[in-house]
Amino acid sequence: MVMTVQKDFSEKYADVVFDQEGRSQKAKKTLAVLEDYCGNLNGLTLLDIGCPTGFMTFQYGKAFKHVIGIDIDRHAIEYARCHS
């Protein structure tokens, strides 16, 4: 089996991934939809799959009891760890 190495998502789309204000606004919109559908979120746990830098995960943490963020982009995860 031959695997093609692809450039990390965070490197390829850095202008979007590292846009803290844009990602935070997107998270707030997502939270509004979730709150409309689920009601109070503060007793729930959220799994944020594909969280690259953690900007949105941080916002989710304000509303949920527990938040777990995972991603396969090693550069973005390193950034998230350094800026959490």
Protein backbone atom coordinates (compact mmCIF):
# COMPACT_ATOMS: atom_id res chain seq x y z
CA MET A 1 0.00 0.00 0.00
CA VAL A 2 1.34 3.43 -0.92
CA MET A 3 0.39 6.42 1.19
CA THR A 4 0.57 9.95 -0.08
CA VAL A 5 1.78 12.46 2.47
CA GLN A 6 -0.47 15.48 2.39
CA LYS A 7 0.47 18.87 3.77
CA ASP A 8 -1.11 19.41 7.17
CA PHE A 9 -4.47 21.13 6.99
CA SER A 10 -3.28 23.94 9.26
CA GLU A 11 -0.42 24.73 6.91
CA LYS A 12 -2.55 24.56 3.79
CA TYR A 13 -5.38 26.68 5.21
CA ALA A 14 -3.52 28.75 7.80
CA ASP A 15 -5.50 31.91 7.05
CA VAL A 16 -8.71 30.18 8.21
CA VAL A 17 -7.39 27.82 10.88
CA PHE A 18 -5.48 30.49 12.81
CA ASP A 19 -8.21 33.16 12.51
CA GLN A 20 -9.10 33.28 16.19
CA GLU A 21 -11.87 35.85 15.83
CA GLY A 22 -13.49 34.05 12.90
CA ARG A 23 -13.32 30.65 14.61
CA SER A 24 -14.72 32.10 17.85
CA GLN A 25 -17.65 33.67 15.99
CA LYS A 26 -18.34 30.35 14.24
CA ALA A 27 -18.31 28.57 17.62
CA LYS A 28 -20.81 31.06 19.05
CA LYS A 29 -23.15 30.44 16.11
CA THR A 30 -22.78 26.68 16.56
CA LEU A 31 -23.53 27.01 20.28
CA ALA A 32 -26.66 29.03 19.53
CA VAL A 33 -27.95 26.24 17.28
CA LEU A 34 -27.11 23.56 19.85
CA GLU A 35 -28.78 25.53 22.65
CA ASP A 36 -31.92 25.99 20.54
CA TYR A 37 -32.06 22.26 19.89
CA CYS A 38 -30.81 20.81 23.21
CA GLY A 39 -31.60 23.56 25.68
CA ASN A 40 -29.17 23.98 28.57
CA LEU A 41 -25.78 22.50 27.66
CA ASN A 42 -23.93 22.94 30.97
CA GLY A 43 -24.52 19.36 32.12
CA LEU A 44 -23.39 17.78 28.85
CA THR A 45 -20.10 16.59 27.38
CA LEU A 46 -18.98 17.56 23.87
CA LEU A 47 -16.49 15.74 21.65
CA ASP A 48 -15.01 18.25 19.19
CA ILE A 49 -13.64 16.17 16.32
CA GLY A 50 -11.37 18.17 14.04
CA CYS A 51 -10.62 20.96 16.50
CA PRO A 52 -7.23 22.04 15.06
CA THR A 53 -6.17 25.02 17.18
CA GLY A 54 -8.74 24.75 19.95
CA PHE A 55 -10.28 28.20 19.36
CA MET A 56 -13.76 26.75 18.97
CA THR A 57 -13.17 24.10 21.64
CA PHE A 58 -12.39 26.89 24.12
CA GLN A 59 -15.72 28.59 23.33
CA TYR A 60 -17.56 25.28 23.70
CA GLY A 61 -15.96 24.85 27.11
CA LYS A 62 -17.84 27.91 28.34
CA ALA A 63 -21.18 26.21 27.67
CA PHE A 64 -20.57 22.48 28.26
CA LYS A 65 -19.60 20.68 31.46
CA HIS A 66 -16.80 18.77 29.69
CA VAL A 67 -15.23 19.29 26.27
CA ILE A 68 -12.73 17.01 24.56
CA GLY A 69 -11.01 18.17 21.39
CA ILE A 70 -9.20 15.81 19.01
CA ASP A 71 -7.45 16.35 15.68
CA ILE A 72 -4.86 14.63 13.50
CA ASP A 73 -3.07 17.82 12.45
CA ARG A 74 0.08 17.75 14.57
CA HIS A 75 1.02 21.39 13.92
CA ALA A 76 -2.39 22.65 14.96
CA ILE A 77 -2.41 20.48 18.09
CA GLU A 78 1.02 21.81 19.06
CA TYR A 79 -0.33 25.34 18.60
CA ALA A 80 -3.38 24.53 20.73
CA ARG A 81 -1.23 23.08 23.51
CA CYS A 82 0.98 26.16 23.58
CA HIS A 83 -1.95 28.57 23.57
CA SER A 84 -4.44 26.88 25.87
